[in-house]
Amino acid sequence: VAKEGYAGLYKGLYPLWGRQIPYTMCKFATFETT
């Protein structure tokens, strides 16, 4: 926060969505189907 402001805490949000959303879609859909 001191160096980059509060935005620095969210600079990885887009790639985090890119990692977590496909992951969770796979996690729940595969689990329920399995």
Full PDB file with SEQRES, HELIX, SHEET, SSBOND, CRYST1, ORIGX, SCALE, CONECT and MASTER records, all heavy atoms in Angstrom:
SEQRES   1 A   34  VAL ALA LYS GLU GLY TYR ALA GLY LEU TYR LYS GLY LEU          
SEQRES   2 A   34  TYR PRO LEU TRP GLY ARG GLN ILE PRO TYR THR MET CYS          
SEQRES   3 A   34  LYS PHE ALA THR PHE GLU THR THR                              
HELIX    1 AA1 TYR A    6  TYR A   10  5                                   5    
HELIX    2 AA2 LEU A   13  THR A   33  1                                  21    
CRYST1    1.000    1.000    1.000  90.00  90.00  90.00 P 1           1          
ORIGX1      1.000000  0.000000  0.000000        0.00000                         
ORIGX2      0.000000  1.000000  0.000000        0.00000                         
ORIGX3      0.000000  0.000000  1.000000        0.00000                         
SCALE1      1.000000  0.000000  0.000000        0.00000                         
SCALE2      0.000000  1.000000  0.000000        0.00000                         
SCALE3      0.000000  0.000000  1.000000        0.00000                         
ATOM      1  N   VAL A   1       0.836  -1.210   0.000  1.00  0.00           N  
ATOM      2  CA  VAL A   1       0.000   0.000   0.000  1.00  0.00           C  
ATOM      3  C   VAL A   1       0.867   1.255   0.000  1.00  0.00           C  
ATOM      4  O   VAL A   1       0.581   2.231  -0.708  1.00  0.00           O  
ATOM      5  CB  VAL A   1      -0.961  -0.004   1.202  1.00  0.00           C  
ATOM      6  CG1 VAL A   1      -1.683   1.329   1.326  1.00  0.00           C  
ATOM      7  CG2 VAL A   1      -1.976  -1.140   1.070  1.00  0.00           C  
ATOM      8  N   ALA A   2       1.958   1.237   0.785  1.00  0.00           N  
ATOM      9  CA  ALA A   2       2.835   2.409   0.851  1.00  0.00           C  
ATOM     10  C   ALA A   2       3.514   2.677  -0.489  1.00  0.00           C  
ATOM     11  O   ALA A   2       3.702   3.842  -0.877  1.00  0.00           O  
ATOM     12  CB  ALA A   2       3.893   2.192   1.937  1.00  0.00           C  
ATOM     13  N   LYS A   3       3.872   1.633  -1.209  1.00  0.00           N  
ATOM     14  CA  LYS A   3       4.618   1.793  -2.460  1.00  0.00           C  
ATOM     15  C   LYS A   3       3.720   1.965  -3.679  1.00  0.00           C  
ATOM     16  O   LYS A   3       4.021   2.750  -4.580  1.00  0.00           O  
ATOM     17  CB  LYS A   3       5.519   0.579  -2.666  1.00  0.00           C  
ATOM     18  CG  LYS A   3       6.438   0.685  -3.865  1.00  0.00           C  
ATOM     19  CD  LYS A   3       7.359  -0.521  -3.962  1.00  0.00           C  
ATOM     20  CE  LYS A   3       8.287  -0.413  -5.163  1.00  0.00           C  
ATOM     21  NZ  LYS A   3       9.185  -1.590  -5.274  1.00  0.00           N  
ATOM     22  N   GLU A   4       2.588   1.234  -3.713  1.00  0.00           N  
ATOM     23  CA  GLU A   4       1.754   1.191  -4.916  1.00  0.00           C  
ATOM     24  C   GLU A   4       0.311   1.626  -4.693  1.00  0.00           C  
ATOM     25  O   GLU A   4      -0.482   1.630  -5.638  1.00  0.00           O  
ATOM     26  CB  GLU A   4       1.759  -0.234  -5.493  1.00  0.00           C  
ATOM     27  CG  GLU A   4       3.152  -0.785  -5.769  1.00  0.00           C  
ATOM     28  CD  GLU A   4       3.116  -2.254  -6.129  1.00  0.00           C  
ATOM     29  OE1 GLU A   4       2.215  -2.648  -6.896  1.00  0.00           O  
ATOM     30  OE2 GLU A   4       3.973  -3.011  -5.641  1.00  0.00           O  
ATOM     31  N   GLY A   5      -0.039   1.947  -3.458  1.00  0.00           N  
ATOM     32  CA  GLY A   5      -1.428   2.252  -3.146  1.00  0.00           C  
ATOM     33  C   GLY A   5      -2.239   0.969  -3.037  1.00  0.00           C  
ATOM     34  O   GLY A   5      -1.725  -0.139  -3.251  1.00  0.00           O  
ATOM     35  N   TYR A   6      -3.518   1.118  -2.730  1.00  0.00           N  
ATOM     36  CA  TYR A   6      -4.369  -0.069  -2.575  1.00  0.00           C  
ATOM     37  C   TYR A   6      -4.542  -0.823  -3.899  1.00  0.00           C  
ATOM     38  O   TYR A   6      -4.819  -2.019  -3.911  1.00  0.00           O  
ATOM     39  CB  TYR A   6      -5.736   0.336  -2.016  1.00  0.00           C  
ATOM     40  CG  TYR A   6      -5.681   0.687  -0.547  1.00  0.00           C  
ATOM     41  CD1 TYR A   6      -5.625   2.014  -0.122  1.00  0.00           C  
ATOM     42  CD2 TYR A   6      -5.663  -0.317   0.419  1.00  0.00           C  
ATOM     43  CE1 TYR A   6      -5.549   2.343   1.228  1.00  0.00           C  
ATOM     44  CE2 TYR A   6      -5.583   0.001   1.778  1.00  0.00           C  
ATOM     45  CZ  TYR A   6      -5.532   1.323   2.170  1.00  0.00           C  
ATOM     46  OH  TYR A   6      -5.447   1.629   3.501  1.00  0.00           O  
ATOM     47  N   ALA A   7      -4.349  -0.127  -5.019  1.00  0.00           N  
ATOM     48  CA  ALA A   7      -4.444  -0.792  -6.323  1.00  0.00           C  
ATOM     49  C   ALA A   7      -3.392  -1.883  -6.471  1.00  0.00           C  
ATOM     50  O   ALA A   7      -3.591  -2.853  -7.209  1.00  0.00           O  
ATOM     51  CB  ALA A   7      -4.298   0.224  -7.443  1.00  0.00           C  
ATOM     52  N   GLY A   8      -2.265  -1.722  -5.754  1.00  0.00           N  
ATOM     53  CA  GLY A   8      -1.218  -2.736  -5.822  1.00  0.00           C  
ATOM     54  C   GLY A   8      -1.653  -4.089  -5.310  1.00  0.00           C  
ATOM     55  O   GLY A   8      -1.116  -5.122  -5.721  1.00  0.00           O  
ATOM     56  N   LEU A   9      -2.635  -4.092  -4.413  1.00  0.00           N  
ATOM     57  CA  LEU A   9      -3.151  -5.349  -3.879  1.00  0.00           C  
ATOM     58  C   LEU A   9      -4.020  -6.084  -4.896  1.00  0.00           C  
ATOM     59  O   LEU A   9      -4.306  -7.275  -4.742  1.00  0.00           O  
ATOM     60  CB  LEU A   9      -3.967  -5.090  -2.611  1.00  0.00           C  
ATOM     61  CG  LEU A   9      -3.200  -4.529  -1.412  1.00  0.00           C  
ATOM     62  CD1 LEU A   9      -4.171  -4.107  -0.312  1.00  0.00           C  
ATOM     63  CD2 LEU A   9      -2.202  -5.550  -0.867  1.00  0.00           C  
ATOM     64  N   TYR A  10      -4.460  -5.374  -5.941  1.00  0.00           N  
ATOM     65  CA  TYR A  10      -5.369  -5.962  -6.920  1.00  0.00           C  
ATOM     66  C   TYR A  10      -4.757  -6.056  -8.320  1.00  0.00           C  
ATOM     67  O   TYR A  10      -5.453  -6.356  -9.264  1.00  0.00           O  
ATOM     68  CB  TYR A  10      -6.662  -5.146  -6.995  1.00  0.00           C  
ATOM     69  CG  TYR A  10      -7.579  -5.395  -5.819  1.00  0.00           C  
ATOM     70  CD1 TYR A  10      -7.502  -4.597  -4.676  1.00  0.00           C  
ATOM     71  CD2 TYR A  10      -8.495  -6.441  -5.837  1.00  0.00           C  
ATOM     72  CE1 TYR A  10      -8.326  -4.837  -3.585  1.00  0.00           C  
ATOM     73  CE2 TYR A  10      -9.322  -6.685  -4.758  1.00  0.00           C  
ATOM     74  CZ  TYR A  10      -9.234  -5.886  -3.636  1.00  0.00           C  
ATOM     75  OH  TYR A  10     -10.039  -6.131  -2.559  1.00  0.00           O  
ATOM     76  N   LYS A  11      -3.443  -5.841  -8.430  1.00  0.00           N  
ATOM     77  CA  LYS A  11      -2.860  -5.864  -9.769  1.00  0.00           C  
ATOM     78  C   LYS A  11      -2.840  -7.270 -10.369  1.00  0.00           C  
ATOM     79  O   LYS A  11      -2.705  -7.429 -11.571  1.00  0.00           O  
ATOM     80  CB  LYS A  11      -1.459  -5.267  -9.750  1.00  0.00           C  
ATOM     81  CG  LYS A  11      -0.380  -6.131  -9.125  1.00  0.00           C  
ATOM     82  CD  LYS A  11       0.959  -5.412  -9.212  1.00  0.00           C  
ATOM     83  CE  LYS A  11       2.103  -6.273  -8.744  1.00  0.00           C  
ATOM     84  NZ  LYS A  11       3.398  -5.555  -8.808  1.00  0.00           N  
ATOM     85  N   GLY A  12      -3.014  -8.276  -9.549  1.00  0.00           N  
ATOM     86  CA  GLY A  12      -3.072  -9.644 -10.054  1.00  0.00           C  
ATOM     87  C   GLY A  12      -4.485 -10.168 -10.217  1.00  0.00           C  
ATOM     88  O   GLY A  12      -4.679 -11.372 -10.416  1.00  0.00           O  
ATOM     89  N   LEU A  13      -5.507  -9.267 -10.154  1.00  0.00           N  
ATOM     90  CA  LEU A  13      -6.892  -9.731 -10.177  1.00  0.00           C  
ATOM     91  C   LEU A  13      -7.266 -10.394 -11.504  1.00  0.00           C  
ATOM     92  O   LEU A  13      -7.889 -11.463 -11.512  1.00  0.00           O  
ATOM     93  CB  LEU A  13      -7.851  -8.577  -9.889  1.00  0.00           C  
ATOM     94  CG  LEU A  13      -9.343  -8.937  -9.846  1.00  0.00           C  
ATOM     95  CD1 LEU A  13      -9.622  -9.997  -8.784  1.00  0.00           C  
ATOM     96  CD2 LEU A  13     -10.194  -7.693  -9.583  1.00  0.00           C  
ATOM     97  N   TYR A  14      -6.907  -9.789 -12.629  1.00  0.00           N  
ATOM     98  CA  TYR A  14      -7.280 -10.365 -13.923  1.00  0.00           C  
ATOM     99  C   TYR A  14      -6.676 -11.752 -14.135  1.00  0.00           C  
ATOM    100  O   TYR A  14      -7.383 -12.695 -14.495  1.00  0.00           O  
ATOM    101  CB  TYR A  14      -6.888  -9.425 -15.070  1.00  0.00           C  
ATOM    102  CG  TYR A  14      -7.709  -8.159 -15.151  1.00  0.00           C  
ATOM    103  CD1 TYR A  14      -7.298  -7.076 -15.924  1.00  0.00           C  
ATOM    104  CD2 TYR A  14      -8.903  -8.019 -14.441  1.00  0.00           C  
ATOM    105  CE1 TYR A  14      -8.054  -5.904 -15.996  1.00  0.00           C  
ATOM    106  CE2 TYR A  14      -9.656  -6.857 -14.501  1.00  0.00           C  
ATOM    107  CZ  TYR A  14      -9.225  -5.806 -15.273  1.00  0.00           C  
ATOM    108  OH  TYR A  14      -9.972  -4.648 -15.334  1.00  0.00           O  
ATOM    109  N   PRO A  15      -5.358 -11.920 -13.922  1.00  0.00           N  
ATOM    110  CA  PRO A  15      -4.825 -13.283 -14.045  1.00  0.00           C  
ATOM    111  C   PRO A  15      -5.363 -14.227 -12.976  1.00  0.00           C  
ATOM    112  O   PRO A  15      -5.449 -15.434 -13.201  1.00  0.00           O  
ATOM    113  CB  PRO A  15      -3.307 -13.099 -13.932  1.00  0.00           C  
ATOM    114  CG  PRO A  15      -3.105 -11.749 -13.338  1.00  0.00           C  
ATOM    115  CD  PRO A  15      -4.272 -10.924 -13.763  1.00  0.00           C  
ATOM    116  N   LEU A  16      -5.722 -13.677 -11.799  1.00  0.00           N  
ATOM    117  CA  LEU A  16      -6.327 -14.530 -10.774  1.00  0.00           C  
ATOM    118  C   LEU A  16      -7.674 -15.047 -11.251  1.00  0.00           C  
ATOM    119  O   LEU A  16      -7.992 -16.241 -11.098  1.00  0.00           O  
ATOM    120  CB  LEU A  16      -6.503 -13.746  -9.465  1.00  0.00           C  
ATOM    121  CG  LEU A  16      -7.017 -14.558  -8.261  1.00  0.00           C  
ATOM    122  CD1 LEU A  16      -6.017 -15.631  -7.859  1.00  0.00           C  
ATOM    123  CD2 LEU A  16      -7.291 -13.632  -7.074  1.00  0.00           C  
ATOM    124  N   TRP A  17      -8.481 -14.167 -11.852  1.00  0.00           N  
ATOM    125  CA  TRP A  17      -9.729 -14.624 -12.472  1.00  0.00           C  
ATOM    126  C   TRP A  17      -9.436 -15.662 -13.557  1.00  0.00           C  
ATOM    127  O   TRP A  17     -10.135 -16.660 -13.671  1.00  0.00           O  
ATOM    128  CB  TRP A  17     -10.458 -13.430 -13.098  1.00  0.00           C  
ATOM    129  CG  TRP A  17     -11.315 -12.657 -12.148  1.00  0.00           C  
ATOM    130  CD1 TRP A  17     -11.918 -13.109 -11.009  1.00  0.00           C  
ATOM    131  CD2 TRP A  17     -11.691 -11.264 -12.271  1.00  0.00           C  
ATOM    132  NE1 TRP A  17     -12.632 -12.102 -10.404  1.00  0.00           N  
ATOM    133  CE2 TRP A  17     -12.521 -10.959 -11.151  1.00  0.00           C  
ATOM    134  CE3 TRP A  17     -11.409 -10.279 -13.199  1.00  0.00           C  
ATOM    135  CZ2 TRP A  17     -13.070  -9.702 -10.953  1.00  0.00           C  
ATOM    136  CZ3 TRP A  17     -11.952  -9.012 -12.997  1.00  0.00           C  
ATOM    137  CH2 TRP A  17     -12.767  -8.723 -11.896  1.00  0.00           C  
ATOM    138  N   GLY A  18      -8.384 -15.392 -14.352  1.00  0.00           N  
ATOM    139  CA  GLY A  18      -8.021 -16.322 -15.414  1.00  0.00           C  
ATOM    140  C   GLY A  18      -7.621 -17.686 -14.898  1.00  0.00           C  
ATOM    141  O   GLY A  18      -7.818 -18.703 -15.574  1.00  0.00           O  
ATOM    142  N   ARG A  19      -7.072 -17.731 -13.695  1.00  0.00           N  
ATOM    143  CA  ARG A  19      -6.702 -19.006 -13.077  1.00  0.00           C  
ATOM    144  C   ARG A  19      -7.877 -19.632 -12.341  1.00  0.00           C  
ATOM    145  O   ARG A  19      -8.189 -20.807 -12.518  1.00  0.00           O  
ATOM    146  CB  ARG A  19      -5.549 -18.781 -12.081  1.00  0.00           C  
ATOM    147  CG  ARG A  19      -5.103 -20.053 -11.356  1.00  0.00           C  
ATOM    148  CD  ARG A  19      -4.116 -19.733 -10.236  1.00  0.00           C  
ATOM    149  NE  ARG A  19      -4.770 -19.265  -9.024  1.00  0.00           N  
ATOM    150  CZ  ARG A  19      -4.120 -18.821  -7.948  1.00  0.00           C  
ATOM    151  NH1 ARG A  19      -2.799 -18.743  -7.956  1.00  0.00           N  
ATOM    152  NH2 ARG A  19      -4.782 -18.426  -6.869  1.00  0.00           N  
ATOM    153  N   GLN A  20      -8.542 -18.838 -11.512  1.00  0.00           N  
ATOM    154  CA  GLN A  20      -9.516 -19.391 -10.578  1.00  0.00           C  
ATOM    155  C   GLN A  20     -10.880 -19.699 -11.204  1.00  0.00           C  
ATOM    156  O   GLN A  20     -11.548 -20.655 -10.790  1.00  0.00           O  
ATOM    157  CB  GLN A  20      -9.703 -18.428  -9.400  1.00  0.00           C  
ATOM    158  CG  GLN A  20      -8.530 -18.374  -8.444  1.00  0.00           C  
ATOM    159  CD  GLN A  20      -8.288 -19.683  -7.738  1.00  0.00           C  
ATOM    160  OE1 GLN A  20      -7.188 -20.224  -7.784  1.00  0.00           O  
ATOM    161  NE2 GLN A  20      -9.303 -20.217  -7.090  1.00  0.00           N  
ATOM    162  N   ILE A  21     -11.332 -18.878 -12.148  1.00  0.00           N  
ATOM    163  CA  ILE A  21     -12.661 -19.138 -12.714  1.00  0.00           C  
ATOM    164  C   ILE A  21     -12.700 -20.445 -13.503  1.00  0.00           C  
ATOM    165  O   ILE A  21     -13.572 -21.288 -13.255  1.00  0.00           O  
ATOM    166  CB  ILE A  21     -13.156 -17.933 -13.544  1.00  0.00           C  
ATOM    167  CG1 ILE A  21     -13.456 -16.752 -12.609  1.00  0.00           C  
ATOM    168  CG2 ILE A  21     -14.414 -18.298 -14.337  1.00  0.00           C  
ATOM    169  CD1 ILE A  21     -13.868 -15.467 -13.317  1.00  0.00           C  
ATOM    170  N   PRO A  22     -11.758 -20.698 -14.439  1.00  0.00           N  
ATOM    171  CA  PRO A  22     -11.755 -22.019 -15.087  1.00  0.00           C  
ATOM    172  C   PRO A  22     -11.547 -23.154 -14.089  1.00  0.00           C  
ATOM    173  O   PRO A  22     -12.155 -24.222 -14.214  1.00  0.00           O  
ATOM    174  CB  PRO A  22     -10.588 -21.935 -16.077  1.00  0.00           C  
ATOM    175  CG  PRO A  22     -10.395 -20.485 -16.318  1.00  0.00           C  
ATOM    176  CD  PRO A  22     -10.730 -19.810 -15.021  1.00  0.00           C  
ATOM    177  N   TYR A  23     -10.684 -22.908 -13.090  1.00  0.00           N  
ATOM    178  CA  TYR A  23     -10.431 -23.912 -12.053  1.00  0.00           C  
ATOM    179  C   TYR A  23     -11.716 -24.286 -11.314  1.00  0.00           C  
ATOM    180  O   TYR A  23     -12.040 -25.465 -11.139  1.00  0.00           O  
ATOM    181  CB  TYR A  23      -9.387 -23.361 -11.071  1.00  0.00           C  
ATOM    182  CG  TYR A  23      -9.257 -24.128  -9.778  1.00  0.00           C  
ATOM    183  CD1 TYR A  23      -8.394 -25.205  -9.675  1.00  0.00           C  
ATOM    184  CD2 TYR A  23     -10.000 -23.764  -8.654  1.00  0.00           C  
ATOM    185  CE1 TYR A  23      -8.276 -25.907  -8.485  1.00  0.00           C  
ATOM    186  CE2 TYR A  23      -9.889 -24.461  -7.464  1.00  0.00           C  
ATOM    187  CZ  TYR A  23      -9.023 -25.531  -7.383  1.00  0.00           C  
ATOM    188  OH  TYR A  23      -8.917 -26.228  -6.215  1.00  0.00           O  
ATOM    189  N   THR A  24     -12.453 -23.275 -10.886  1.00  0.00           N  
ATOM    190  CA  THR A  24     -13.671 -23.532 -10.110  1.00  0.00           C  
ATOM    191  C   THR A  24     -14.784 -24.118 -10.975  1.00  0.00           C  
ATOM    192  O   THR A  24     -15.546 -24.977 -10.522  1.00  0.00           O  
ATOM    193  CB  THR A  24     -14.140 -22.236  -9.415  1.00  0.00           C  
ATOM    194  OG1 THR A  24     -13.104 -21.794  -8.541  1.00  0.00           O  
ATOM    195  CG2 THR A  24     -15.413 -22.461  -8.618  1.00  0.00           C  
ATOM    196  N   MET A  25     -14.882 -23.649 -12.208  1.00  0.00           N  
ATOM    197  CA  MET A  25     -15.860 -24.255 -13.127  1.00  0.00           C  
ATOM    198  C   MET A  25     -15.582 -25.741 -13.292  1.00  0.00           C  
ATOM    199  O   MET A  25     -16.491 -26.581 -13.237  1.00  0.00           O  
ATOM    200  CB  MET A  25     -15.808 -23.546 -14.486  1.00  0.00           C  
ATOM    201  CG  MET A  25     -16.322 -22.116 -14.462  1.00  0.00           C  
ATOM    202  SD  MET A  25     -16.001 -21.224 -16.010  1.00  0.00           S  
ATOM    203  CE  MET A  25     -17.184 -22.033 -17.099  1.00  0.00           C  
ATOM    204  N   CYS A  26     -14.320 -26.064 -13.472  1.00  0.00           N  
ATOM    205  CA  CYS A  26     -13.923 -27.472 -13.601  1.00  0.00           C  
ATOM    206  C   CYS A  26     -14.165 -28.220 -12.292  1.00  0.00           C  
ATOM    207  O   CYS A  26     -14.671 -29.348 -12.292  1.00  0.00           O  
ATOM    208  CB  CYS A  26     -12.453 -27.545 -14.001  1.00  0.00           C  
ATOM    209  SG  CYS A  26     -11.823 -29.225 -14.197  1.00  0.00           S  
ATOM    210  N   LYS A  27     -13.830 -27.583 -11.182  1.00  0.00           N  
ATOM    211  CA  LYS A  27     -13.953 -28.215  -9.867  1.00  0.00           C  
ATOM    212  C   LYS A  27     -15.396 -28.612  -9.554  1.00  0.00           C  
ATOM    213  O   LYS A  27     -15.672 -29.753  -9.174  1.00  0.00           O  
ATOM    214  CB  LYS A  27     -13.442 -27.254  -8.788  1.00  0.00           C  
ATOM    215  CG  LYS A  27     -13.671 -27.716  -7.356  1.00  0.00           C  
ATOM    216  CD  LYS A  27     -13.119 -26.689  -6.372  1.00  0.00           C  
ATOM    217  CE  LYS A  27     -13.370 -27.107  -4.927  1.00  0.00           C  
ATOM    218  NZ  LYS A  27     -12.748 -26.166  -3.966  1.00  0.00           N  
ATOM    219  N   PHE A  28     -16.320 -27.694  -9.746  1.00  0.00           N  
ATOM    220  CA  PHE A  28     -17.708 -27.965  -9.382  1.00  0.00           C  
ATOM    221  C   PHE A  28     -18.419 -28.825 -10.419  1.00  0.00           C  
ATOM    222  O   PHE A  28     -19.139 -29.764 -10.065  1.00  0.00           O  
ATOM    223  CB  PHE A  28     -18.460 -26.647  -9.153  1.00  0.00           C  
ATOM    224  CG  PHE A  28     -18.169 -26.013  -7.827  1.00  0.00           C  
ATOM    225  CD1 PHE A  28     -17.071 -25.176  -7.659  1.00  0.00           C  
ATOM    226  CD2 PHE A  28     -18.970 -26.260  -6.730  1.00  0.00           C  
ATOM    227  CE1 PHE A  28     -16.790 -24.597  -6.432  1.00  0.00           C  
ATOM    228  CE2 PHE A  28     -18.716 -25.685  -5.497  1.00  0.00           C  
ATOM    229  CZ  PHE A  28     -17.607 -24.846  -5.354  1.00  0.00           C  
ATOM    230  N   ALA A  29     -18.230 -28.510 -11.701  1.00  0.00           N  
ATOM    231  CA  ALA A  29     -18.918 -29.285 -12.735  1.00  0.00           C  
ATOM    232  C   ALA A  29     -18.394 -30.715 -12.797  1.00  0.00           C  
ATOM    233  O   ALA A  29     -19.181 -31.670 -12.918  1.00  0.00           O  
ATOM    234  CB  ALA A  29     -18.755 -28.608 -14.093  1.00  0.00           C  
ATOM    235  N   THR A  30     -17.070 -30.883 -12.704  1.00  0.00           N  
ATOM    236  CA  THR A  30     -16.496 -32.227 -12.726  1.00  0.00           C  
ATOM    237  C   THR A  30     -16.907 -33.002 -11.490  1.00  0.00           C  
ATOM    238  O   THR A  30     -17.240 -34.195 -11.563  1.00  0.00           O  
ATOM    239  CB  THR A  30     -14.955 -32.163 -12.814  1.00  0.00           C  
ATOM    240  OG1 THR A  30     -14.580 -31.420 -13.967  1.00  0.00           O  
ATOM    241  CG2 THR A  30     -14.355 -33.559 -12.894  1.00  0.00           C  
ATOM    242  N   PHE A  31     -16.893 -32.335 -10.344  1.00  0.00           N  
ATOM    243  CA  PHE A  31     -17.299 -33.003  -9.109  1.00  0.00           C  
ATOM    244  C   PHE A  31     -18.742 -33.493  -9.185  1.00  0.00           C  
ATOM    245  O   PHE A  31     -19.031 -34.665  -8.914  1.00  0.00           O  
ATOM    246  CB  PHE A  31     -17.145 -32.058  -7.915  1.00  0.00           C  
ATOM    247  CG  PHE A  31     -17.707 -32.614  -6.635  1.00  0.00           C  
ATOM    248  CD1 PHE A  31     -16.995 -33.540  -5.896  1.00  0.00           C  
ATOM    249  CD2 PHE A  31     -18.968 -32.240  -6.186  1.00  0.00           C  
ATOM    250  CE1 PHE A  31     -17.522 -34.086  -4.725  1.00  0.00           C  
ATOM    251  CE2 PHE A  31     -19.503 -32.762  -5.029  1.00  0.00           C  
ATOM    252  CZ  PHE A  31     -18.774 -33.691  -4.291  1.00  0.00           C  
ATOM    253  N   GLU A  32     -19.648 -32.612  -9.539  1.00  0.00           N  
ATOM    254  CA  GLU A  32     -21.070 -32.994  -9.566  1.00  0.00           C  
ATOM    255  C   GLU A  32     -21.319 -34.097 -10.594  1.00  0.00           C  
ATOM    256  O   GLU A  32     -22.068 -35.040 -10.338  1.00  0.00           O  
ATOM    257  CB  GLU A  32     -21.929 -31.761  -9.877  1.00  0.00           C  
ATOM    258  CG  GLU A  32     -21.837 -30.659  -8.831  1.00  0.00           C  
ATOM    259  CD  GLU A  32     -23.174 -30.362  -8.163  1.00  0.00           C  
ATOM    260  OE1 GLU A  32     -24.015 -31.271  -8.098  1.00  0.00           O  
ATOM    261  OE2 GLU A  32     -23.357 -29.224  -7.699  1.00  0.00           O  
ATOM    262  N   THR A  33     -20.682 -33.990 -11.769  1.00  0.00           N  
ATOM    263  CA  THR A  33     -20.851 -35.010 -12.802  1.00  0.00           C  
ATOM    264  C   THR A  33     -20.243 -36.334 -12.363  1.00  0.00           C  
ATOM    265  O   THR A  33     -20.831 -37.407 -12.581  1.00  0.00           O  
ATOM    266  CB  THR A  33     -20.187 -34.541 -14.112  1.00  0.00           C  
ATOM    267  OG1 THR A  33     -20.761 -33.294 -14.510  1.00  0.00           O  
ATOM    268  CG2 THR A  33     -20.397 -35.557 -15.222  1.00  0.00           C  
ATOM    269  N   THR A  34     -19.064 -36.273 -11.731  1.00  0.00           N  
ATOM    270  CA  THR A  34     -18.396 -37.493 -11.262  1.00  0.00           C  
ATOM    271  C   THR A  34     -19.209 -38.194 -10.185  1.00  0.00           C  
ATOM    272  O   THR A  34     -19.351 -39.421 -10.200  1.00  0.00           O  
ATOM    273  CB  THR A  34     -16.988 -37.149 -10.723  1.00  0.00           C  
ATOM    274  OG1 THR A  34     -16.214 -36.545 -11.756  1.00  0.00           O  
ATOM    275  CG2 THR A  34     -16.278 -38.396 -10.217  1.00  0.00           C  
TER     276      THR A  34                                                      
MASTER        0    0    0    2    0    0    0    6  275    1    0    3          
END                                                                             
